[in-house]
């Protein structure tokens, strides 16, 4: 228990360091690679994100979805990659290969679709190499470049607002 508190403090320091050193660079490139980070406890509509990617004219092989579960990997059959708190070590390290690959991928847009304040979700968002980060998490506005304030259970509204803003920023290749 005592070590768990030190590990959590270590990971919080890493998140703060990453967020304080992050430079936001938004260019006029179009969205071709999309990453999605979900909390299984809040949203389990995997297909909704596939449809969103299709509406944004993103090829299926350019979409990567990872899900976080507080439970053991009971939900992993439904997701490309499912990770748990056990996949995280000290200083922001991860033992999950698929998750490491996700973090190293330079997505044009990362959607962090969670509202719950969980250290592991914030760690993935902060460590992601995505060029532009969009989310609904409000407690730390340094995590995302664009925050769309919608409840997790109103994905339709989130999708509408996301497409609206990406269109304004001229990031979409003629959305459907």
N, C-alpha and C. Protein backbone atom coordinates (compact mmCIF):
# COMPACT_ATOMS: atom_id res chain seq x y z
N UNK A 1 0.83 -1.19 0.00
CA UNK A 1 0.00 0.00 0.00
C UNK A 1 0.87 1.25 0.00
N UNK A 2 1.92 1.23 0.82
CA UNK A 2 2.83 2.35 0.91
C UNK A 2 3.55 2.58 -0.41
N UNK A 3 3.98 1.50 -1.06
CA UNK A 3 4.65 1.61 -2.36
C UNK A 3 3.71 2.11 -3.44
N UNK A 4 2.45 1.72 -3.34
CA UNK A 4 1.45 2.17 -4.32
C UNK A 4 1.32 3.69 -4.30
N UNK A 5 1.36 4.28 -3.12
CA UNK A 5 1.26 5.73 -2.99
C UNK A 5 2.48 6.41 -3.61
N UNK A 6 3.66 5.84 -3.41
CA UNK A 6 4.87 6.40 -4.03
C UNK A 6 4.83 6.27 -5.55
N UNK A 7 4.33 5.14 -6.02
CA UNK A 7 4.21 4.92 -7.47
C UNK A 7 3.26 5.94 -8.08
N UNK A 8 2.13 6.17 -7.41
CA UNK A 8 1.15 7.14 -7.90
C UNK A 8 1.74 8.54 -7.92
N UNK A 9 2.47 8.90 -6.88
CA UNK A 9 3.10 10.22 -6.83
C UNK A 9 4.14 10.37 -7.93
N UNK A 10 4.90 9.31 -8.18
CA UNK A 10 5.89 9.31 -9.25
C UNK A 10 5.22 9.53 -10.61
N UNK A 11 4.11 8.84 -10.85
CA UNK A 11 3.40 8.96 -12.12
C UNK A 11 2.75 10.34 -12.27
N UNK A 12 2.27 10.92 -11.17
CA UNK A 12 1.71 12.27 -11.23
C UNK A 12 2.79 13.28 -11.60
N UNK A 13 4.00 13.10 -11.08
CA UNK A 13 5.11 13.99 -11.43
C UNK A 13 5.43 13.89 -12.92
N UNK A 14 5.40 12.68 -13.45
CA UNK A 14 5.67 12.47 -14.87
C UNK A 14 4.61 13.18 -15.71
N UNK A 15 3.34 13.04 -15.33
CA UNK A 15 2.25 13.69 -16.07
C UNK A 15 2.47 15.21 -16.06
N UNK A 16 2.73 15.78 -14.89
CA UNK A 16 2.94 17.22 -14.80
C UNK A 16 4.13 17.67 -15.64
N UNK A 17 5.19 16.90 -15.61
CA UNK A 17 6.37 17.23 -16.41
C UNK A 17 6.05 17.21 -17.90
N UNK A 18 5.34 16.17 -18.34
CA UNK A 18 4.96 16.07 -19.75
C UNK A 18 4.06 17.22 -20.18
N UNK A 19 3.09 17.54 -19.35
CA UNK A 19 2.14 18.59 -19.71
C UNK A 19 2.77 19.97 -19.67
N UNK A 20 3.68 20.19 -18.75
CA UNK A 20 4.34 21.50 -18.66
C UNK A 20 5.33 21.71 -19.80
N UNK A 21 5.89 20.64 -20.34
CA UNK A 21 6.88 20.78 -21.41
C UNK A 21 6.27 20.65 -22.80
N UNK A 22 4.99 20.32 -22.89
CA UNK A 22 4.34 20.11 -24.18
C UNK A 22 4.15 21.42 -24.92
N UNK A 23 4.55 21.40 -26.17
CA UNK A 23 4.33 22.54 -27.04
C UNK A 23 3.24 22.18 -28.03
N UNK A 24 2.21 22.98 -28.05
CA UNK A 24 1.10 22.73 -28.96
C UNK A 24 1.48 23.29 -30.33
N UNK A 25 1.43 22.43 -31.31
CA UNK A 25 1.74 22.84 -32.68
C UNK A 25 0.61 22.36 -33.57
N UNK A 26 -0.24 23.28 -33.95
CA UNK A 26 -1.37 22.94 -34.80
C UNK A 26 -1.07 23.45 -36.20
N UNK A 27 -1.09 22.54 -37.16
CA UNK A 27 -0.84 22.93 -38.54
C UNK A 27 -2.09 22.71 -39.37
N UNK A 28 -1.99 22.92 -40.64
CA UNK A 28 -3.16 22.79 -41.50
C UNK A 28 -3.27 21.41 -42.15
N UNK A 29 -2.51 20.45 -41.65
CA UNK A 29 -2.58 19.11 -42.24
C UNK A 29 -3.94 18.48 -41.95
N UNK A 30 -4.37 17.63 -42.85
CA UNK A 30 -5.66 16.95 -42.72
C UNK A 30 -5.53 15.73 -41.81
N UNK A 31 -6.62 15.35 -41.18
CA UNK A 31 -6.64 14.19 -40.30
C UNK A 31 -6.66 12.92 -41.13
N UNK A 32 -5.62 12.12 -40.97
CA UNK A 32 -5.55 10.82 -41.65
C UNK A 32 -5.42 9.68 -40.66
N UNK A 33 -4.78 9.92 -39.52
CA UNK A 33 -4.60 8.91 -38.47
C UNK A 33 -5.36 9.36 -37.23
N UNK A 34 -6.22 8.48 -36.72
CA UNK A 34 -7.05 8.82 -35.56
C UNK A 34 -6.82 7.79 -34.46
N UNK A 35 -6.53 8.29 -33.27
CA UNK A 35 -6.42 7.44 -32.09
C UNK A 35 -7.56 7.75 -31.15
N UNK A 36 -8.06 6.71 -30.48
CA UNK A 36 -9.16 6.89 -29.53
C UNK A 36 -8.80 6.18 -28.23
N UNK A 37 -8.98 6.88 -27.13
CA UNK A 37 -8.75 6.34 -25.79
C UNK A 37 -10.06 6.37 -25.04
N UNK A 38 -10.51 5.19 -24.60
CA UNK A 38 -11.81 5.06 -23.92
C UNK A 38 -11.65 4.51 -22.51
N UNK A 39 -12.60 4.83 -21.66
CA UNK A 39 -12.74 4.19 -20.36
C UNK A 39 -13.93 3.25 -20.47
N UNK A 40 -13.70 1.95 -20.39
CA UNK A 40 -14.76 0.96 -20.56
C UNK A 40 -15.89 1.17 -19.56
N UNK A 41 -15.55 1.66 -18.37
CA UNK A 41 -16.56 1.90 -17.35
C UNK A 41 -17.52 3.03 -17.69
N UNK A 42 -17.16 3.87 -18.63
CA UNK A 42 -18.00 5.01 -19.00
C UNK A 42 -18.62 4.87 -20.38
N UNK A 43 -17.89 4.31 -21.30
CA UNK A 43 -18.36 4.20 -22.68
C UNK A 43 -17.90 2.88 -23.26
N UNK A 44 -18.82 2.13 -23.83
CA UNK A 44 -18.43 0.85 -24.42
C UNK A 44 -18.96 0.72 -25.85
N UNK A 45 -19.19 1.83 -26.51
CA UNK A 45 -19.71 1.80 -27.87
C UNK A 45 -18.57 1.94 -28.88
N UNK A 46 -17.88 0.84 -29.06
CA UNK A 46 -16.74 0.75 -29.96
C UNK A 46 -17.14 1.12 -31.39
N UNK A 47 -18.30 0.66 -31.80
CA UNK A 47 -18.76 0.88 -33.17
C UNK A 47 -19.02 2.35 -33.48
N UNK A 48 -19.41 3.13 -32.48
CA UNK A 48 -19.66 4.56 -32.69
C UNK A 48 -18.39 5.27 -33.17
N UNK A 49 -17.25 4.85 -32.67
CA UNK A 49 -15.99 5.48 -33.08
C UNK A 49 -15.57 5.03 -34.47
N UNK A 50 -15.92 3.81 -34.82
CA UNK A 50 -15.65 3.36 -36.20
C UNK A 50 -16.49 4.17 -37.20
N UNK A 51 -17.74 4.41 -36.84
CA UNK A 51 -18.62 5.22 -37.70
C UNK A 51 -18.13 6.66 -37.77
N UNK A 52 -17.66 7.20 -36.66
CA UNK A 52 -17.11 8.55 -36.65
C UNK A 52 -15.90 8.63 -37.60
N UNK A 53 -15.01 7.67 -37.51
CA UNK A 53 -13.83 7.65 -38.38
C UNK A 53 -14.26 7.56 -39.84
N UNK A 54 -15.28 6.76 -40.12
CA UNK A 54 -15.78 6.64 -41.49
C UNK A 54 -16.33 7.99 -41.97
N UNK A 55 -17.08 8.68 -41.12
CA UNK A 55 -17.63 9.99 -41.49
C UNK A 55 -16.52 11.02 -41.71
N UNK A 56 -15.37 10.82 -41.05
CA UNK A 56 -14.25 11.73 -41.20
C UNK A 56 -13.33 11.30 -42.35
N UNK A 57 -13.76 10.29 -43.11
CA UNK A 57 -12.98 9.74 -44.24
C UNK A 57 -11.62 9.21 -43.81
N UNK A 58 -11.60 8.55 -42.67
CA UNK A 58 -10.38 7.93 -42.18
C UNK A 58 -10.46 6.44 -42.50
N UNK A 59 -9.43 5.93 -43.13
CA UNK A 59 -9.40 4.52 -43.50
C UNK A 59 -9.38 3.65 -42.24
N UNK A 60 -10.03 2.48 -42.30
CA UNK A 60 -10.09 1.61 -41.12
C UNK A 60 -8.71 1.24 -40.55
N UNK A 61 -7.70 1.10 -41.41
CA UNK A 61 -6.37 0.75 -40.91
C UNK A 61 -5.63 1.95 -40.32
N UNK A 62 -6.22 3.13 -40.38
CA UNK A 62 -5.63 4.35 -39.81
C UNK A 62 -6.33 4.74 -38.51
N UNK A 63 -7.19 3.86 -38.00
CA UNK A 63 -7.90 4.08 -36.75
C UNK A 63 -7.40 3.07 -35.71
N UNK A 64 -7.05 3.56 -34.53
CA UNK A 64 -6.62 2.68 -33.45
C UNK A 64 -7.36 3.08 -32.19
N UNK A 65 -8.02 2.10 -31.57
CA UNK A 65 -8.79 2.35 -30.36
C UNK A 65 -8.20 1.51 -29.23
N UNK A 66 -7.94 2.16 -28.10
CA UNK A 66 -7.53 1.44 -26.90
C UNK A 66 -8.53 1.75 -25.80
N UNK A 67 -8.72 0.79 -24.94
CA UNK A 67 -9.69 0.94 -23.86
C UNK A 67 -9.03 0.64 -22.52
N UNK A 68 -9.47 1.34 -21.50
CA UNK A 68 -8.98 1.13 -20.14
C UNK A 68 -10.08 0.50 -19.31
N UNK A 69 -9.69 -0.48 -18.51
CA UNK A 69 -10.64 -1.12 -17.61
C UNK A 69 -10.01 -1.22 -16.23
N UNK A 70 -10.76 -0.85 -15.20
CA UNK A 70 -10.27 -1.01 -13.83
C UNK A 70 -10.24 -2.48 -13.43
N UNK A 71 -11.04 -3.31 -14.12
CA UNK A 71 -11.08 -4.73 -13.84
C UNK A 71 -9.97 -5.43 -14.60
N UNK A 72 -9.77 -6.71 -14.31
CA UNK A 72 -8.84 -7.49 -15.12
C UNK A 72 -9.38 -7.53 -16.53
N UNK A 73 -8.63 -8.03 -17.44
CA UNK A 73 -8.94 -7.93 -18.86
C UNK A 73 -10.19 -8.70 -19.29
N UNK A 74 -11.26 -8.57 -18.54
CA UNK A 74 -12.50 -9.26 -18.88
C UNK A 74 -13.15 -8.70 -20.13
N UNK A 75 -12.96 -7.41 -20.40
CA UNK A 75 -13.56 -6.78 -21.57
C UNK A 75 -12.66 -6.84 -22.80
N UNK A 76 -11.49 -7.42 -22.68
CA UNK A 76 -10.49 -7.32 -23.75
C UNK A 76 -10.93 -7.96 -25.06
N UNK A 77 -11.89 -8.83 -25.04
CA UNK A 77 -12.36 -9.46 -26.27
C UNK A 77 -13.04 -8.47 -27.20
N UNK A 78 -13.49 -7.34 -26.69
CA UNK A 78 -14.25 -6.39 -27.48
C UNK A 78 -13.40 -5.24 -28.03
N UNK A 79 -12.14 -5.16 -27.67
CA UNK A 79 -11.32 -4.01 -28.00
C UNK A 79 -10.06 -4.42 -28.73
N UNK A 80 -9.52 -3.48 -29.53
CA UNK A 80 -8.22 -3.70 -30.16
C UNK A 80 -7.18 -3.94 -29.07
N UNK A 81 -7.14 -3.06 -28.12
CA UNK A 81 -6.22 -3.16 -26.99
C UNK A 81 -6.95 -2.74 -25.74
N UNK A 82 -6.86 -3.56 -24.71
CA UNK A 82 -7.47 -3.21 -23.43
C UNK A 82 -6.37 -3.26 -22.39
N UNK A 83 -6.27 -2.23 -21.58
CA UNK A 83 -5.24 -2.21 -20.56
C UNK A 83 -5.86 -1.92 -19.20
N UNK A 84 -5.12 -2.27 -18.16
CA UNK A 84 -5.59 -2.15 -16.78
C UNK A 84 -4.51 -1.44 -15.96
N UNK A 85 -4.81 -1.10 -14.70
CA UNK A 85 -3.79 -0.47 -13.86
C UNK A 85 -2.52 -1.31 -13.71
N UNK A 86 -2.63 -2.61 -13.85
CA UNK A 86 -1.47 -3.49 -13.72
C UNK A 86 -0.45 -3.29 -14.85
N UNK A 87 -0.87 -2.65 -15.94
CA UNK A 87 0.02 -2.42 -17.08
C UNK A 87 0.96 -1.22 -16.87
N UNK A 88 0.84 -0.54 -15.74
CA UNK A 88 1.64 0.66 -15.49
C UNK A 88 2.63 0.42 -14.36
N UNK A 89 3.82 0.93 -14.57
CA UNK A 89 4.86 0.84 -13.55
C UNK A 89 5.21 2.21 -13.02
N UNK A 90 6.42 2.33 -12.49
CA UNK A 90 6.93 3.58 -11.95
C UNK A 90 7.30 4.54 -13.08
N UNK A 91 7.26 5.79 -12.81
CA UNK A 91 7.70 6.86 -13.72
C UNK A 91 7.05 6.79 -15.09
N UNK A 92 5.80 6.38 -15.13
CA UNK A 92 5.06 6.38 -16.39
C UNK A 92 5.37 5.25 -17.34
N UNK A 93 6.08 4.24 -16.89
CA UNK A 93 6.41 3.12 -17.78
C UNK A 93 5.21 2.21 -17.93
N UNK A 94 5.17 1.49 -19.05
CA UNK A 94 4.10 0.53 -19.29
C UNK A 94 4.70 -0.78 -19.77
N UNK A 95 4.07 -1.86 -19.38
CA UNK A 95 4.55 -3.19 -19.78
C UNK A 95 3.74 -3.77 -20.94
N UNK A 96 2.74 -3.05 -21.39
CA UNK A 96 1.85 -3.53 -22.44
C UNK A 96 2.39 -3.09 -23.81
N UNK A 97 2.79 -4.05 -24.64
CA UNK A 97 3.38 -3.74 -25.95
C UNK A 97 2.46 -2.94 -26.85
N UNK A 98 1.19 -3.35 -26.92
CA UNK A 98 0.23 -2.65 -27.78
C UNK A 98 0.05 -1.21 -27.33
N UNK A 99 0.05 -1.02 -26.02
CA UNK A 99 -0.10 0.32 -25.47
C UNK A 99 1.13 1.17 -25.78
N UNK A 100 2.31 0.58 -25.71
CA UNK A 100 3.55 1.30 -26.08
C UNK A 100 3.48 1.74 -27.54
N UNK A 101 3.01 0.85 -28.41
CA UNK A 101 2.88 1.19 -29.82
C UNK A 101 1.90 2.34 -30.00
N UNK A 102 0.78 2.28 -29.28
CA UNK A 102 -0.22 3.35 -29.34
C UNK A 102 0.40 4.68 -28.93
N UNK A 103 1.17 4.68 -27.86
CA UNK A 103 1.79 5.90 -27.36
C UNK A 103 2.80 6.48 -28.34
N UNK A 104 3.48 5.62 -29.07
CA UNK A 104 4.53 6.06 -29.99
C UNK A 104 3.98 6.47 -31.36
N UNK A 105 2.72 6.18 -31.62
CA UNK A 105 2.12 6.53 -32.90
C UNK A 105 1.80 8.02 -32.93
N UNK A 106 2.18 8.67 -34.01
CA UNK A 106 1.94 10.10 -34.16
C UNK A 106 0.59 10.31 -34.84
N UNK A 107 -0.48 10.18 -34.07
CA UNK A 107 -1.82 10.39 -34.60
C UNK A 107 -2.00 11.86 -34.97
N UNK A 108 -2.80 12.10 -36.00
CA UNK A 108 -3.16 13.48 -36.32
C UNK A 108 -4.10 14.03 -35.26
N UNK A 109 -4.99 13.16 -34.77
CA UNK A 109 -5.92 13.53 -33.70
C UNK A 109 -6.04 12.36 -32.73
N UNK A 110 -6.00 12.66 -31.45
CA UNK A 110 -6.28 11.69 -30.40
C UNK A 110 -7.56 12.14 -29.71
N UNK A 111 -8.54 11.24 -29.65
CA UNK A 111 -9.77 11.51 -28.90
C UNK A 111 -9.67 10.79 -27.57
N UNK A 112 -9.64 11.55 -26.50
CA UNK A 112 -9.63 10.98 -25.15
C UNK A 112 -11.06 11.07 -24.62
N UNK A 113 -11.79 9.97 -24.78
CA UNK A 113 -13.22 10.00 -24.47
C UNK A 113 -13.47 9.38 -23.10
N UNK A 114 -13.20 10.20 -22.08
CA UNK A 114 -13.45 9.79 -20.70
C UNK A 114 -13.66 11.05 -19.86
N UNK A 115 -14.43 10.91 -18.80
CA UNK A 115 -14.67 12.04 -17.91
C UNK A 115 -14.17 11.74 -16.50
N UNK A 116 -13.96 10.46 -16.21
CA UNK A 116 -13.51 10.06 -14.88
C UNK A 116 -12.04 10.44 -14.67
N UNK A 117 -11.72 10.91 -13.49
CA UNK A 117 -10.36 11.35 -13.16
C UNK A 117 -9.51 10.15 -12.73
N UNK A 118 -8.95 9.45 -13.72
CA UNK A 118 -8.12 8.28 -13.45
C UNK A 118 -6.69 8.54 -13.91
N UNK A 119 -5.75 8.25 -13.05
CA UNK A 119 -4.34 8.51 -13.32
C UNK A 119 -3.87 7.84 -14.61
N UNK A 120 -4.28 6.60 -14.83
CA UNK A 120 -3.83 5.85 -16.01
C UNK A 120 -4.32 6.49 -17.31
N UNK A 121 -5.55 6.97 -17.34
CA UNK A 121 -6.08 7.61 -18.53
C UNK A 121 -5.35 8.93 -18.81
N UNK A 122 -5.11 9.69 -17.76
CA UNK A 122 -4.38 10.94 -17.92
C UNK A 122 -2.95 10.67 -18.38
N UNK A 123 -2.36 9.59 -17.88
CA UNK A 123 -0.99 9.23 -18.28
C UNK A 123 -0.92 8.93 -19.77
N UNK A 124 -1.87 8.17 -20.28
CA UNK A 124 -1.87 7.84 -21.71
C UNK A 124 -2.09 9.09 -22.55
N UNK A 125 -3.02 9.93 -22.16
CA UNK A 125 -3.26 11.17 -22.90
C UNK A 125 -2.00 12.03 -22.91
N UNK A 126 -1.37 12.18 -21.77
CA UNK A 126 -0.18 13.02 -21.67
C UNK A 126 1.00 12.44 -22.46
N UNK A 127 1.16 11.13 -22.44
CA UNK A 127 2.30 10.49 -23.11
C UNK A 127 2.10 10.32 -24.61
N UNK A 128 0.89 10.42 -25.08
CA UNK A 128 0.61 10.22 -26.50
C UNK A 128 1.37 11.22 -27.36
N UNK A 129 1.85 10.75 -28.51
CA UNK A 129 2.59 11.58 -29.45
C UNK A 129 1.66 12.25 -30.46
N UNK A 130 0.36 12.24 -30.18
CA UNK A 130 -0.62 12.84 -31.09
C UNK A 130 -0.34 14.31 -31.30
N UNK A 131 -0.61 14.77 -32.51
CA UNK A 131 -0.39 16.18 -32.85
C UNK A 131 -1.47 17.07 -32.25
N UNK A 132 -2.71 16.58 -32.20
CA UNK A 132 -3.84 17.36 -31.73
C UNK A 132 -4.68 16.47 -30.84
N UNK A 133 -4.96 16.91 -29.62
CA UNK A 133 -5.69 16.09 -28.65
C UNK A 133 -7.03 16.73 -28.33
N UNK A 134 -8.07 15.90 -28.42
CA UNK A 134 -9.44 16.34 -28.17
C UNK A 134 -10.01 15.47 -27.06
N UNK A 135 -10.73 16.07 -26.13
CA UNK A 135 -11.32 15.28 -25.06
C UNK A 135 -12.50 15.97 -24.42
N UNK A 136 -13.08 15.27 -23.44
CA UNK A 136 -14.19 15.82 -22.67
C UNK A 136 -13.80 16.00 -21.21
N UNK A 137 -12.59 15.57 -20.85
CA UNK A 137 -12.11 15.66 -19.47
C UNK A 137 -11.83 17.11 -19.11
N UNK A 138 -12.43 17.59 -18.03
CA UNK A 138 -12.37 19.00 -17.70
C UNK A 138 -11.45 19.36 -16.53
N UNK A 139 -11.03 18.39 -15.74
CA UNK A 139 -10.31 18.73 -14.51
C UNK A 139 -8.90 19.26 -14.75
N UNK A 140 -8.27 18.90 -15.84
CA UNK A 140 -6.94 19.42 -16.16
C UNK A 140 -6.94 19.81 -17.64
N UNK A 141 -7.10 21.09 -17.91
CA UNK A 141 -7.22 21.53 -19.30
C UNK A 141 -5.91 21.49 -20.07
N UNK A 142 -4.82 21.11 -19.43
CA UNK A 142 -3.54 20.96 -20.13
C UNK A 142 -3.48 19.66 -20.93
N UNK A 143 -4.35 18.71 -20.62
CA UNK A 143 -4.30 17.40 -21.29
C UNK A 143 -4.71 17.47 -22.76
N UNK A 144 -5.69 18.30 -23.06
CA UNK A 144 -6.25 18.34 -24.41
C UNK A 144 -6.11 19.72 -25.02
N UNK A 145 -5.97 19.75 -26.35
CA UNK A 145 -5.90 21.01 -27.08
C UNK A 145 -7.30 21.58 -27.30
N UNK A 146 -8.28 20.68 -27.39
CA UNK A 146 -9.68 21.08 -27.57
C UNK A 146 -10.52 20.25 -26.61
N UNK A 147 -11.31 20.93 -25.79
CA UNK A 147 -12.20 20.26 -24.85
C UNK A 147 -13.62 20.52 -25.31
N UNK A 148 -14.33 19.43 -25.57
CA UNK A 148 -15.73 19.52 -25.97
C UNK A 148 -16.55 19.09 -24.77
N UNK A 149 -17.16 20.05 -24.13
CA UNK A 149 -17.86 19.82 -22.87
C UNK A 149 -19.22 19.16 -23.13
N UNK A 150 -19.20 17.84 -23.17
CA UNK A 150 -20.43 17.07 -23.32
C UNK A 150 -20.39 15.90 -22.35
N UNK A 151 -21.54 15.43 -21.90
CA UNK A 151 -21.56 14.23 -21.06
C UNK A 151 -21.12 13.01 -21.88
N UNK A 152 -20.52 12.05 -21.22
CA UNK A 152 -20.03 10.84 -21.89
C UNK A 152 -21.16 10.11 -22.61
N UNK A 153 -22.35 10.13 -22.04
CA UNK A 153 -23.46 9.38 -22.63
C UNK A 153 -24.13 10.09 -23.81
N UNK A 154 -23.60 11.24 -24.23
CA UNK A 154 -24.17 11.96 -25.38
C UNK A 154 -23.14 12.01 -26.51
N UNK A 155 -22.82 10.83 -27.03
CA UNK A 155 -21.81 10.74 -28.08
C UNK A 155 -22.23 11.47 -29.34
N UNK A 156 -23.50 11.45 -29.69
CA UNK A 156 -23.98 12.14 -30.88
C UNK A 156 -23.66 13.63 -30.85
N UNK A 157 -23.85 14.24 -29.70
CA UNK A 157 -23.54 15.66 -29.54
C UNK A 157 -22.03 15.90 -29.63
N UNK A 158 -21.25 15.01 -29.00
CA UNK A 158 -19.79 15.12 -29.08
C UNK A 158 -19.33 15.03 -30.54
N UNK A 159 -19.86 14.05 -31.26
CA UNK A 159 -19.48 13.84 -32.67
C UNK A 159 -19.81 15.08 -33.50
N UNK A 160 -20.99 15.62 -33.30
CA UNK A 160 -21.42 16.80 -34.05
C UNK A 160 -20.47 17.97 -33.79
N UNK A 161 -20.14 18.21 -32.53
CA UNK A 161 -19.25 19.32 -32.16
C UNK A 161 -17.83 19.07 -32.67
N UNK A 162 -17.35 17.84 -32.58
CA UNK A 162 -16.01 17.51 -33.05
C UNK A 162 -15.88 17.78 -34.54
N UNK A 163 -16.83 17.30 -35.31
CA UNK A 163 -16.79 17.53 -36.76
C UNK A 163 -16.90 19.02 -37.08
N UNK A 164 -17.72 19.73 -36.33
CA UNK A 164 -17.85 21.18 -36.54
C UNK A 164 -16.51 21.88 -36.33
N UNK A 165 -15.84 21.58 -35.22
CA UNK A 165 -14.57 22.25 -34.93
C UNK A 165 -13.45 21.81 -35.87
N UNK A 166 -13.39 20.54 -36.21
CA UNK A 166 -12.35 20.09 -37.14
C UNK A 166 -12.57 20.70 -38.53
N UNK A 167 -13.83 20.94 -38.89
CA UNK A 167 -14.14 21.61 -40.16
C UNK A 167 -13.69 23.07 -40.09
N UNK A 168 -13.96 23.75 -38.99
CA UNK A 168 -13.53 25.13 -38.81
C UNK A 168 -12.01 25.24 -38.90
N UNK A 169 -11.32 24.26 -38.29
CA UNK A 169 -9.85 24.26 -38.32
C UNK A 169 -9.29 23.73 -39.64
N UNK A 170 -10.19 23.37 -40.56
CA UNK A 170 -9.81 22.83 -41.90
C UNK A 170 -8.92 21.60 -41.77
N UNK A 171 -9.31 20.71 -40.85
CA UNK A 171 -8.55 19.49 -40.61
C UNK A 171 -9.16 18.27 -41.30
N UNK A 172 -10.38 18.38 -41.82
CA UNK A 172 -11.06 17.23 -42.41
C UNK A 172 -10.92 17.22 -43.93
N UNK A 173 -10.82 16.00 -44.47
CA UNK A 173 -10.81 15.80 -45.93
C UNK A 173 -12.24 15.59 -46.37
N UNK A 174 -13.00 16.62 -46.50
CA UNK A 174 -14.39 16.54 -46.95
C UNK A 174 -15.16 15.44 -46.21
N UNK A 175 -15.58 15.75 -45.00
CA UNK A 175 -16.35 14.81 -44.19
C UNK A 175 -17.63 14.43 -44.91
N UNK A 176 -18.08 13.21 -44.65
CA UNK A 176 -19.31 12.71 -45.29
C UNK A 176 -20.52 13.38 -44.73
